[in-house]
Amino acid sequence: MTPQVDASTPAPENFPLPPGRSGLPLLGETLEFLRSSRAFSERRQRQYGPVFRTHVLGSPTVFLTGPEAMQWIFAGEGKYLKNRWSPGVRRLLGARCLSLLEGEEHLERRRLLAPHFSYATMRGFVPVIESLVTRHFERWAALPGELTLWPAMRELAFEIALTLIFGQDAVDVPFLMHHFQRWTAGLFVPAPVNLPWTTFGKALASKKAMIDYLDKVVAERQARTEQPPDLLGSLLQRREDGEPPLSRETIVDELQLLLFAGHDTTVTATSNLVLLLARHPEVLQRGREAVAHLEGPLTLDGLRATPYLVQLLHEGMRVIPPIGGAFRVTTRDVVYNGYRIPQGWAVPVSIRTAHAGSSWPEPDRFDPDRFSPERAEQRKQGAFIPFGGGPRICLGQHFAMVEMSVMLALLLKHYTWELVPGQDLSYILVPFPKPRSGIQLRFRRLG
């Protein structure tokens, strides 16, 4: 059945609310949702169908499932839906950063940043990424004992993000890493209480420390007559329309967001793919064969001529999406598929549910051939959305894919790893899907 997607349908109040229930007073059905959003959605789909209502995270909420629903949500940005962040996230991210902007201001900021995330820009950045990755991987391989992958990958991804933003400028990596980790730990706490000993209170303190440090870096850059070709330089340039550069406060907010956006999702996707490959040696071997032709320094052309790398990365992000979802909120009463969604109700972008839905045969099976060129026509638009979609699709998706492709190519060609027995590989899903053990490996160089 084709969904009714006309957001201008007359008299939405004449349509019924979706089926469902509100749960307990105030709390709603939040506890069950937090235990497993995917299981929560699957149970209610069986009971109510592809559209249902609930009350989670303090808000009446309507879940829309299926690829067509995802496309409807992405098409609604700025029309009948807008982005929604919790008060704690808004306070920690900074009100002037890209993710919190709306409308024309959001589009303008994307236009300013977009050139530094194009494939053309990534072409010149591949050697820098390869050098940083090789240095870290060689250090991992030289460790006498075991490696806990997650913190090691966080350190590597953070250094890559700093290099993209600040270019060749020297910055205090340990200082920024320490405060960055305390800051991000507070972004998704259920109760953002600002007391010195709470996670959120510590996050606010670390935000201030980072802001003070970054403000000095930006001030030093502003004093230069010419800006180098990095992201900070772009933010400091006078805009094409003749408007002055962004304010220092706005630039500092944007730098914090860029560090966050260019870090945790890449760490999550790459680390979980390493785990999946360790559990599927036949896929790992095929990956090694796919990169055998890569000789000498890596290039963007060489990476793009190795399609199995993308297949591996895409299937890894489908099986374990680095971000489970996000939230939109209706800006007016709308009608979807014969049901009314009142103004102010939350509408989740359920990435985890989309990636495990009926569009994918045997969705729990790790099968990179799903993304082979021969099967491209079988993939439904809206069924694979690791970077979101619409006007808010991840600005750094090309950078993330190139960065992860470099890591994966080097891993497959030069290194071997195996899981340490007895570790706890059950997942913590919020804010990012991470095995409780952090993925303990015996990591060595091949040959």
Protein backbone atom coordinates (compact mmCIF):
# COMPACT_ATOMS: atom_id res chain seq x y z
CA MET A 1 0.00 0.00 0.00
CA THR A 2 1.36 3.40 -0.99
CA PRO A 3 1.44 5.72 2.06
CA GLN A 4 -0.55 8.91 2.02
CA VAL A 5 2.22 11.49 2.26
CA ASP A 6 0.48 14.75 1.42
CA ALA A 7 1.40 17.00 4.35
CA SER A 8 -1.17 19.60 3.19
CA THR A 9 -4.20 17.30 3.55
CA PRO A 10 -7.18 19.44 4.65
CA ALA A 11 -8.52 19.19 8.20
CA PRO A 12 -5.98 16.83 9.83
CA GLU A 13 -8.19 16.79 12.92
CA ASN A 14 -10.65 14.62 10.98
CA PHE A 15 -8.11 11.80 10.88
CA PRO A 16 -7.57 9.41 13.81
CA LEU A 17 -4.45 9.19 15.90
CA PRO A 18 -2.28 6.15 15.17
CA PRO A 19 -2.96 3.04 17.25
CA GLY A 20 -0.86 2.51 20.37
CA ARG A 21 -0.72 3.40 24.04
CA SER A 22 0.89 6.00 26.27
CA GLY A 23 2.13 3.74 29.07
CA LEU A 24 2.76 4.98 32.59
CA PRO A 25 2.11 8.57 33.69
CA LEU A 26 5.10 10.84 32.90
CA LEU A 27 7.43 7.90 32.23
CA GLY A 28 5.39 6.44 29.38
CA GLU A 29 7.14 3.47 27.79
CA THR A 30 10.62 4.91 28.07
CA LEU A 31 12.23 2.08 30.06
CA GLU A 32 11.24 -0.58 27.53
CA PHE A 33 12.35 1.68 24.67
CA LEU A 34 15.78 2.25 26.23
CA ARG A 35 16.35 -1.48 26.77
CA SER A 36 16.18 -2.08 23.01
CA SER A 37 14.65 0.38 20.59
CA ARG A 38 14.68 -2.25 17.84
CA ALA A 39 12.83 -4.88 19.90
CA PHE A 40 10.44 -2.16 21.12
CA SER A 41 9.59 -1.20 17.55
CA GLU A 42 9.32 -4.78 16.28
CA ARG A 43 6.86 -5.79 19.03
CA ARG A 44 4.60 -2.83 18.33
CA GLN A 45 4.74 -3.28 14.58
CA ARG A 46 3.42 -6.80 15.03
CA GLN A 47 0.64 -5.49 17.27
CA TYR A 48 -0.33 -2.22 15.57
CA GLY A 49 1.22 -2.17 12.10
CA PRO A 50 3.82 0.15 10.50
CA VAL A 51 2.51 3.34 12.18
CA PHE A 52 1.99 3.48 15.94
CA ARG A 53 2.06 5.96 18.80
CA THR A 54 3.68 5.78 22.21
CA HIS A 55 5.15 8.09 24.87
CA VAL A 56 8.94 7.93 25.32
CA LEU A 57 11.64 10.26 26.59
CA GLY A 58 9.05 12.70 27.91
CA SER A 59 7.13 13.22 24.68
CA PRO A 60 4.18 11.75 22.75
CA THR A 61 5.81 9.97 19.83
CA VAL A 62 4.74 8.40 16.53
CA PHE A 63 6.90 5.70 14.96
CA LEU A 64 6.78 5.42 11.17
CA THR A 65 8.49 2.31 9.82
CA GLY A 66 9.61 1.26 6.37
CA PRO A 67 11.72 2.89 3.63
CA GLU A 68 8.84 5.09 2.41
CA ALA A 69 8.41 6.47 5.92
CA MET A 70 12.09 7.42 6.14
CA GLN A 71 11.83 9.27 2.84
CA TRP A 72 8.73 11.12 4.10
CA ILE A 73 10.60 12.17 7.24
CA PHE A 74 13.65 13.41 5.33
CA ALA A 75 11.43 15.27 2.84
CA GLY A 76 9.66 17.04 5.71
CA GLU A 77 12.67 18.96 7.03
CA GLY A 78 11.71 22.63 7.24
CA LYS A 79 8.18 21.93 5.97
CA TYR A 80 6.34 19.95 8.62
CA LEU A 81 9.23 18.59 10.70
CA LYS A 82 12.27 20.07 12.39
CA ASN A 83 15.27 18.65 14.18
CA ARG A 84 14.94 17.90 17.88
CA TRP A 85 17.68 17.80 20.51
CA SER A 86 17.36 17.37 24.25
CA PRO A 87 18.07 20.44 26.45
CA GLY A 88 21.27 18.81 27.72
CA VAL A 89 22.60 18.22 24.20
CA ARG A 90 21.69 21.76 23.15
CA ARG A 91 23.59 23.18 26.10
CA LEU A 92 26.68 21.08 25.47
CA LEU A 93 26.82 21.45 21.69
CA GLY A 94 26.37 25.21 21.59
CA ALA A 95 23.40 27.04 20.12
CA ARG A 96 25.26 28.36 17.06
CA CYS A 97 26.66 25.09 15.70
CA LEU A 98 25.41 23.50 12.47
CA SER A 99 23.30 20.75 14.05
CA LEU A 100 21.15 23.22 15.98
CA LEU A 101 20.58 25.72 13.19
CA GLU A 102 17.35 25.77 11.20
CA GLY A 103 16.17 26.93 7.78
CA GLU A 104 18.29 29.22 5.64
CA GLU A 105 20.90 29.69 8.35
CA HIS A 106 21.45 25.92 8.43
CA LEU A 107 21.76 25.73 4.63
CA GLU A 108 24.18 28.66 4.55
CA ARG A 109 26.46 27.06 7.13
CA ARG A 110 26.45 23.79 5.18
CA ARG A 111 27.47 25.68 2.03
CA LEU A 112 30.39 27.20 3.91
CA LEU A 113 31.63 23.85 5.22
CA ALA A 114 30.78 21.56 2.29
CA PRO A 115 33.88 22.20 0.12
CA HIS A 116 36.15 20.76 2.82
CA PHE A 117 34.22 17.48 2.85
CA SER A 118 34.06 16.81 -0.89
CA TYR A 119 35.75 13.85 -2.53
CA ALA A 120 38.03 16.30 -4.36
CA THR A 121 39.33 17.61 -1.04
CA MET A 122 39.70 14.07 0.33
CA ARG A 123 42.00 13.21 -2.58
CA GLY A 124 44.76 15.35 -1.08
CA PHE A 125 44.02 14.21 2.46
CA VAL A 126 44.50 10.45 1.86
CA PRO A 127 48.31 10.54 2.37
CA VAL A 128 47.87 12.39 5.68
CA ILE A 129 45.32 9.85 6.91
CA GLU A 130 47.51 6.94 5.79
CA SER A 131 50.53 8.33 7.65
CA LEU A 132 48.58 8.81 10.90
CA VAL A 133 46.86 5.42 10.65
CA THR A 134 50.11 3.57 9.91
CA ARG A 135 51.82 5.16 12.90
CA HIS A 136 49.04 4.10 15.24
CA PHE A 137 48.67 0.59 13.78
CA GLU A 138 52.41 -0.05 14.04
CA ARG A 139 52.30 1.01 17.69
CA TRP A 140 49.38 -1.36 18.32
CA ALA A 141 51.20 -4.24 16.66
CA ALA A 142 54.31 -3.63 18.79
CA LEU A 143 52.41 -3.98 22.06
CA PRO A 144 53.64 -7.06 23.95
CA GLY A 145 50.18 -8.04 25.20
CA GLU A 146 46.59 -7.42 24.24
CA LEU A 147 45.00 -4.34 22.69
CA THR A 148 41.65 -2.87 23.73
CA LEU A 149 40.46 -1.59 20.40
CA TRP A 150 37.89 1.04 21.37
CA PRO A 151 40.11 3.52 23.26
CA ALA A 152 42.92 2.98 20.77
CA MET A 153 40.61 3.72 17.84
CA ARG A 154 39.24 6.80 19.63
CA GLU A 155 42.75 8.21 19.98
CA LEU A 156 43.47 7.59 16.29
CA ALA A 157 40.19 9.07 15.00
CA PHE A 158 40.57 12.10 17.25
CA GLU A 159 44.02 12.87 15.88
CA ILE A 160 42.73 12.55 12.31
CA ALA A 161 39.86 14.94 13.06
CA LEU A 162 42.26 17.46 14.62
CA THR A 163 44.46 17.33 11.52
CA LEU A 164 41.50 17.97 9.20
CA ILE A 165 40.40 20.95 11.30
CA PHE A 166 43.73 22.54 12.23
CA GLY A 167 46.01 21.35 9.44
CA GLN A 168 49.67 21.57 10.38
CA ASP A 169 49.13 23.79 13.43
CA ALA A 170 50.38 22.27 16.67
CA VAL A 171 47.61 21.69 19.23
CA ASP A 172 47.65 20.05 22.65
CA VAL A 173 46.22 16.64 21.71
CA PRO A 174 46.27 15.05 25.22
CA PHE A 175 44.58 18.10 26.76
CA LEU A 176 41.85 18.21 24.11
CA MET A 177 41.35 14.44 24.17
CA HIS A 178 40.87 14.42 27.95
CA HIS A 179 38.28 17.18 27.93
CA PHE A 180 36.64 15.91 24.74
CA GLN A 181 35.95 12.52 26.32
CA ARG A 182 34.48 14.10 29.47
CA TRP A 183 32.40 16.45 27.31
CA THR A 184 30.96 13.73 25.05
CA ALA A 185 30.21 11.52 28.08
CA GLY A 186 27.62 14.10 29.16
CA LEU A 187 25.84 14.51 25.84
CA PHE A 188 23.35 11.68 26.26
CA VAL A 189 22.87 11.32 30.00
CA PRO A 190 19.19 10.78 30.93
CA ALA A 191 19.24 13.46 33.66
CA PRO A 192 21.45 16.49 32.79
CA VAL A 193 22.04 17.71 36.35
CA ASN A 194 24.67 20.45 36.60
CA LEU A 195 26.52 19.54 39.78
CA PRO A 196 30.33 19.29 39.94
CA TRP A 197 30.38 15.54 40.62
CA THR A 198 27.80 14.51 37.99
CA THR A 199 28.70 13.38 34.48
CA PHE A 200 26.83 16.35 33.04
CA GLY A 201 28.49 18.79 35.43
CA LYS A 202 31.93 17.45 34.49
CA ALA A 203 30.95 17.70 30.81
CA LEU A 204 30.06 21.37 31.20
CA ALA A 205 33.37 22.03 32.95
CA SER A 206 35.25 20.29 30.15
CA LYS A 207 33.28 22.22 27.55
CA LYS A 208 34.44 25.46 29.14
CA ALA A 209 38.05 24.22 29.19
CA MET A 210 37.86 23.32 25.50
CA ILE A 211 36.17 26.61 24.60
CA ASP A 212 38.86 28.62 26.39
CA TYR A 213 41.59 26.66 24.61
CA LEU A 214 39.95 26.77 21.16
CA ASP A 215 39.20 30.47 21.55
CA LYS A 216 42.91 31.16 21.91
CA VAL A 217 43.67 29.03 18.83
CA VAL A 218 41.05 30.89 16.79
CA ALA A 219 42.30 34.28 18.00
CA GLU A 220 45.85 33.40 16.93
CA ARG A 221 44.57 32.34 13.51
CA GLN A 222 42.55 35.52 13.09
CA ALA A 223 45.75 37.52 13.46
CA ARG A 224 47.25 35.90 10.35
CA THR A 225 47.04 37.66 7.00
CA GLU A 226 46.51 34.39 5.11
CA GLN A 227 44.67 31.24 6.17
CA PRO A 228 45.89 27.73 5.34
CA PRO A 229 43.50 25.37 3.46
CA ASP A 230 41.96 23.58 6.44
CA LEU A 231 38.53 23.72 8.04
CA LEU A 232 39.44 26.44 10.52
CA GLY A 233 40.76 28.53 7.66
CA SER A 234 37.46 28.09 5.84
CA LEU A 235 35.47 29.25 8.85
CA LEU A 236 37.65 32.35 9.16
CA GLN A 237 37.31 33.43 5.52
CA ARG A 238 35.09 36.32 4.44
CA ARG A 239 32.05 34.81 2.76
CA GLU A 240 31.35 35.09 -0.98
CA ASP A 241 28.32 37.32 -0.43
CA GLY A 242 30.56 39.92 1.18
CA GLU A 243 29.33 39.22 4.67
CA PRO A 244 31.98 39.21 7.41
CA PRO A 245 33.34 35.93 8.73
CA LEU A 246 31.51 34.03 11.42
CA SER A 247 31.94 35.29 14.95
CA ARG A 248 34.64 33.74 17.09
CA GLU A 249 31.99 32.30 19.44
CA THR A 250 30.21 30.61 16.52
CA ILE A 251 33.46 29.22 15.13
CA VAL A 252 34.41 27.73 18.49
CA ASP A 253 30.98 26.06 18.76
CA GLU A 254 31.44 24.68 15.25
CA LEU A 255 34.90 23.31 16.04
CA GLN A 256 33.50 21.36 19.00
CA LEU A 257 30.74 19.91 16.81
CA LEU A 258 33.22 18.95 14.09
CA LEU A 259 35.37 17.09 16.60
CA PHE A 260 32.30 15.22 17.82
CA ALA A 261 30.86 14.48 14.37
CA GLY A 262 34.21 13.36 12.97
CA HIS A 263 35.05 11.06 15.82
CA ASP A 264 32.62 8.80 17.67
CA THR A 265 30.63 7.53 14.69
CA THR A 266 33.83 6.61 12.82
CA VAL A 267 35.21 4.86 15.90
CA THR A 268 31.95 2.94 16.31
CA ALA A 269 31.65 1.84 12.69
CA THR A 270 35.28 0.79 12.28
CA SER A 271 35.64 -0.97 15.63
CA ASN A 272 32.46 -2.97 15.15
CA LEU A 273 33.53 -3.96 11.63
CA VAL A 274 36.81 -5.29 13.03
CA LEU A 275 34.76 -7.42 15.43
CA LEU A 276 32.48 -8.67 12.64
CA LEU A 277 35.48 -9.62 10.49
CA ALA A 278 37.05 -11.52 13.38
CA ARG A 279 33.81 -13.50 13.66
CA HIS A 280 33.56 -14.13 9.91
CA PRO A 281 36.99 -15.35 8.72
CA GLU A 282 35.70 -16.19 5.24
CA VAL A 283 34.67 -12.55 4.72
CA LEU A 284 37.99 -11.39 6.19
CA GLN A 285 39.90 -13.55 3.72
CA ARG A 286 37.89 -12.21 0.80
CA GLY A 287 38.67 -8.69 2.01
CA ARG A 288 42.40 -9.49 2.05
CA GLU A 289 42.16 -10.75 -1.52
CA ALA A 290 40.30 -7.60 -2.58
CA VAL A 291 43.13 -5.28 -1.44
CA ALA A 292 45.99 -7.42 -2.74
CA HIS A 293 46.33 -5.20 -5.83
CA LEU A 294 46.93 -2.04 -3.78
CA GLU A 295 50.63 -1.25 -3.98
CA GLY A 296 52.61 1.69 -2.65
CA PRO A 297 50.96 4.72 -1.04
CA LEU A 298 47.18 4.62 -1.02
CA THR A 299 45.29 6.95 -3.33
CA LEU A 300 41.64 7.92 -3.58
CA ASP A 301 41.49 6.40 -7.06
CA GLY A 302 42.93 3.12 -5.78
CA LEU A 303 40.45 2.97 -2.91
CA ARG A 304 37.51 3.72 -5.17
CA ALA A 305 38.71 0.99 -7.55
CA THR A 306 38.32 -1.53 -4.70
CA PRO A 307 34.52 -1.75 -4.36
CA TYR A 308 34.63 -4.58 -1.81
CA LEU A 309 35.96 -2.07 0.76
CA VAL A 310 32.74 -0.08 0.43
CA GLN A 311 30.68 -3.29 0.56
CA LEU A 312 32.35 -4.22 3.85
CA LEU A 313 31.89 -0.77 5.35
CA HIS A 314 28.26 -0.49 4.25
CA GLU A 315 27.29 -3.94 5.51
CA GLY A 316 29.08 -3.28 8.80
CA MET A 317 27.07 -0.08 9.26
CA ARG A 318 23.87 -1.85 8.24
CA VAL A 319 24.27 -4.68 10.76
CA ILE A 320 25.47 -2.37 13.56
CA PRO A 321 24.51 1.23 12.72
CA PRO A 322 26.94 3.65 14.43
CA ILE A 323 23.95 5.82 15.36
CA GLY A 324 20.68 4.11 16.20
CA GLY A 325 18.51 7.06 15.27
CA ALA A 326 17.52 10.66 15.85
CA PHE A 327 14.37 12.63 16.50
CA ARG A 328 12.29 15.12 14.57
CA VAL A 329 9.28 17.05 15.90
CA THR A 330 6.18 18.11 13.97
CA THR A 331 5.78 21.86 13.44
CA ARG A 332 2.05 21.55 12.63
CA ASP A 333 -0.63 18.88 12.48
CA VAL A 334 0.14 16.54 9.59
CA VAL A 335 -1.33 13.38 8.10
CA TYR A 336 0.65 10.30 7.23
CA ASN A 337 -0.88 7.12 5.81
CA GLY A 338 -4.33 8.04 7.06
CA TYR A 339 -3.28 9.01 10.59
CA ARG A 340 -3.03 12.41 12.25
CA ILE A 341 0.24 13.40 13.93
CA PRO A 342 -0.39 16.46 16.12
CA GLN A 343 1.91 19.47 16.25
CA GLY A 344 4.74 19.04 18.76
CA TRP A 345 4.83 15.23 18.65
CA ALA A 346 8.16 13.50 18.21
CA VAL A 347 8.88 11.41 15.10
CA PRO A 348 11.96 9.18 15.36
CA VAL A 349 14.36 8.57 12.48
CA SER A 350 14.89 4.93 13.37
CA ILE A 351 18.09 3.94 11.56
CA ARG A 352 18.47 0.71 13.51
CA THR A 353 14.94 -0.38 12.61
CA ALA A 354 15.36 0.56 8.93
CA HIS A 355 18.55 -1.50 8.66
CA ALA A 356 16.90 -4.56 10.17
CA GLY A 357 13.55 -4.30 8.40
CA SER A 358 11.82 -6.53 5.89
CA SER A 359 13.66 -4.80 3.01
CA TRP A 360 16.65 -6.95 3.94
CA PRO A 361 16.45 -10.76 3.63
CA GLU A 362 17.93 -12.41 6.74
CA PRO A 363 18.74 -8.99 8.22
CA ASP A 364 20.86 -10.34 11.09
CA ARG A 365 23.28 -12.09 8.72
CA PHE A 366 26.56 -10.32 7.90
CA ASP A 367 26.68 -10.41 4.08
CA PRO A 368 28.68 -7.71 2.27
CA ASP A 369 27.39 -9.01 -1.07
CA ARG A 370 24.13 -7.19 -0.31
CA PHE A 371 25.95 -4.09 -1.50
CA SER A 372 27.49 -5.58 -4.64
CA PRO A 373 26.86 -3.62 -7.87
CA GLU A 374 24.83 -6.57 -9.19
CA ARG A 375 22.28 -6.18 -6.40
CA ALA A 376 22.02 -2.39 -6.46
CA GLU A 377 18.53 -2.42 -7.99
CA GLN A 378 17.23 -4.57 -5.14
CA ARG A 379 18.03 -1.95 -2.51
CA LYS A 380 15.12 0.32 -1.61
CA GLN A 381 15.70 4.01 -1.09
CA GLY A 382 15.30 4.71 2.61
CA ALA A 383 16.32 1.21 3.73
CA PHE A 384 20.01 2.10 4.22
CA ILE A 385 20.51 5.43 5.98
CA PRO A 386 23.67 5.32 8.15
CA PHE A 387 24.33 9.01 7.43
CA GLY A 388 20.71 10.13 7.64
CA GLY A 389 19.10 11.86 4.69
CA GLY A 390 17.49 15.00 3.34
CA PRO A 391 18.86 18.48 4.13
CA ARG A 392 20.50 17.14 7.30
CA ILE A 393 22.37 14.23 5.73
CA CYS A 394 25.78 13.94 7.37
CA LEU A 395 28.04 16.64 5.94
CA GLY A 396 31.14 14.55 6.62
CA GLN A 397 29.96 11.30 5.02
CA HIS A 398 32.60 11.41 2.24
CA PHE A 399 35.34 12.12 4.74
CA ALA A 400 34.12 9.29 6.98
CA MET A 401 34.04 6.81 4.10
CA VAL A 402 37.53 7.78 2.91
CA GLU A 403 38.94 7.69 6.45
CA MET A 404 37.41 4.26 7.14
CA SER A 405 38.48 2.96 3.72
CA VAL A 406 42.10 3.87 4.45
CA MET A 407 41.93 2.18 7.87
CA LEU A 408 40.28 -0.93 6.46
CA ALA A 409 42.63 -1.25 3.48
CA LEU A 410 45.69 -1.06 5.75
CA LEU A 411 44.17 -3.50 8.27
CA LEU A 412 43.37 -6.08 5.60
CA LYS A 413 46.70 -5.78 3.80
CA HIS A 414 49.20 -5.60 6.65
CA TYR A 415 47.71 -6.81 9.95
CA THR A 416 46.02 -9.76 11.61
CA TRP A 417 43.90 -9.88 14.74
CA GLU A 418 41.96 -12.33 16.85
CA LEU A 419 39.53 -11.90 19.73
CA VAL A 420 40.76 -12.53 23.26
CA PRO A 421 38.67 -15.39 24.69
CA GLY A 422 36.34 -14.85 27.64
CA GLN A 423 35.60 -11.14 27.13
CA ASP A 424 32.11 -9.65 27.42
CA LEU A 425 31.02 -8.77 23.89
CA SER A 426 27.41 -7.96 24.79
CA TYR A 427 26.44 -4.49 23.61
CA ILE A 428 25.74 -1.19 25.30
CA LEU A 429 23.54 0.54 22.71
CA VAL A 430 23.33 4.12 24.04
CA PRO A 431 24.72 6.49 22.94
CA PHE A 432 26.71 4.33 20.48
CA PRO A 433 26.66 0.53 20.11
CA LYS A 434 29.78 -0.67 21.91
CA PRO A 435 30.75 -4.09 23.33
CA ARG A 436 31.22 -3.90 27.08
CA SER A 437 34.79 -5.24 26.86
CA GLY A 438 35.83 -2.54 24.37
CA ILE A 439 36.91 -5.38 21.99
CA GLN A 440 40.10 -6.95 23.28
CA LEU A 441 42.39 -8.18 20.51
CA ARG A 442 45.69 -9.84 19.86
CA PHE A 443 46.86 -7.51 17.09
CA ARG A 444 49.95 -8.27 15.02
CA ARG A 445 51.58 -7.35 11.73
CA LEU A 446 51.26 -9.92 8.93
CA GLY A 447 54.47 -11.67 8.00
